[in-house]
Amino acid sequence: MESIVKENLELTKQVLEYVKKTRRYILFGQILNVIKIVLIIGPIVLAIIYLPPILRQFLSTYSDLLDGGTGSTILQGGGFVDKLFEAKQ
């Protein structure tokens, strides 16, 4: 009976070691999952916050370069298309 109890105690200690390792493994996996989520969601949130003002500034600069800031392109503002069709007729 005593040998069975000792064997049971040894097996219980082994199981406890495995349980501790498993808990560490699961905790490490959960931490990595949180880090992955932050690395994926973080840049998206930052882009939503910071990208619209940058795009507005870029588009305003781009429209200024096209035609002096009137909002129309060379084709629309200068009547280029009308002149092109008049020349063919």
Protein backbone atom coordinates (compact mmCIF):
# COMPACT_ATOMS: atom_id res chain seq x y z
CA MET A 1 0.00 0.00 0.00
CA GLU A 2 2.85 2.34 0.90
CA SER A 3 4.54 1.79 -2.46
CA ILE A 4 1.32 2.60 -4.27
CA VAL A 5 1.02 5.86 -2.32
CA LYS A 6 4.64 6.81 -3.16
CA GLU A 7 4.09 6.02 -6.82
CA ASN A 8 0.88 8.03 -6.78
CA LEU A 9 2.74 10.96 -5.16
CA GLU A 10 5.46 10.85 -7.83
CA LEU A 11 2.91 10.73 -10.61
CA THR A 12 1.01 13.61 -9.03
CA LYS A 13 4.22 15.67 -8.94
CA GLN A 14 4.83 14.96 -12.62
CA VAL A 15 1.28 15.96 -13.46
CA LEU A 16 1.74 19.18 -11.47
CA GLU A 17 4.90 20.00 -13.44
CA TYR A 18 3.08 19.41 -16.73
CA VAL A 19 0.17 21.57 -15.57
CA LYS A 20 2.57 24.42 -14.70
CA LYS A 21 4.24 24.17 -18.11
CA THR A 22 0.87 24.09 -19.83
CA ARG A 23 -0.32 27.16 -17.92
CA ARG A 24 2.85 29.06 -18.91
CA TYR A 25 2.38 27.99 -22.53
CA ILE A 26 -1.25 29.15 -22.56
CA LEU A 27 -0.36 32.46 -20.88
CA PHE A 28 2.44 33.05 -23.39
CA GLY A 29 0.02 32.30 -26.24
CA GLN A 30 -2.55 34.74 -24.85
CA ILE A 31 0.08 37.46 -24.52
CA LEU A 32 1.21 36.86 -28.11
CA ASN A 33 -2.40 37.03 -29.32
CA VAL A 34 -2.85 40.41 -27.62
CA ILE A 35 0.40 41.65 -29.18
CA LYS A 36 -0.74 40.45 -32.62
CA ILE A 37 -4.06 42.24 -32.24
CA VAL A 38 -2.34 45.45 -31.16
CA LEU A 39 0.07 45.22 -34.10
CA ILE A 40 -2.82 44.77 -36.53
CA ILE A 41 -5.42 47.12 -35.04
CA GLY A 42 -2.96 49.82 -33.86
CA PRO A 43 -1.82 50.96 -37.31
CA ILE A 44 -5.39 50.89 -38.59
CA VAL A 45 -6.55 53.17 -35.77
CA LEU A 46 -3.57 55.49 -36.28
CA ALA A 47 -4.31 55.62 -40.00
CA ILE A 48 -7.94 56.52 -39.33
CA ILE A 49 -6.84 59.32 -37.00
CA TYR A 50 -3.90 60.79 -38.93
CA LEU A 51 -4.51 59.96 -42.59
CA PRO A 52 -7.53 62.21 -43.40
CA PRO A 53 -5.76 65.50 -42.57
CA ILE A 54 -2.69 64.41 -44.52
CA LEU A 55 -4.83 63.41 -47.51
CA ARG A 56 -6.73 66.73 -47.37
CA GLN A 57 -3.45 68.63 -47.38
CA PHE A 58 -2.09 66.51 -50.24
CA LEU A 59 -5.23 66.91 -52.33
CA SER A 60 -5.32 70.67 -51.80
CA THR A 61 -1.68 70.91 -52.85
CA TYR A 62 -2.38 68.68 -55.85
CA SER A 63 -5.36 70.78 -56.96
CA ASP A 64 -3.26 73.95 -56.57
CA LEU A 65 -0.64 72.43 -58.85
CA LEU A 66 -3.19 71.49 -61.49
CA ASP A 67 -4.88 74.82 -62.10
CA GLY A 68 -4.11 77.42 -59.55
CA GLY A 69 -6.60 76.21 -56.97
CA THR A 70 -9.88 76.74 -58.86
CA GLY A 71 -10.85 73.10 -58.54
CA SER A 72 -11.02 72.42 -62.28
CA THR A 73 -8.47 70.67 -64.42
CA ILE A 74 -6.81 71.92 -67.58
CA LEU A 75 -9.29 69.95 -69.68
CA GLN A 76 -12.32 71.40 -67.90
CA GLY A 77 -11.18 74.91 -67.05
CA GLY A 78 -9.41 75.90 -70.25
CA GLY A 79 -12.02 74.61 -72.67
CA PHE A 80 -9.39 72.35 -74.19
CA VAL A 81 -11.91 69.73 -75.25
CA ASP A 82 -14.15 72.36 -76.92
CA LYS A 83 -11.20 73.79 -78.82
CA LEU A 84 -10.16 70.31 -79.90
CA PHE A 85 -13.58 69.50 -81.36
CA GLU A 86 -13.90 72.92 -83.03
CA ALA A 87 -10.61 72.42 -84.83
CA LYS A 88 -11.83 69.19 -86.44
CA GLN A 89 -15.02 70.69 -87.84
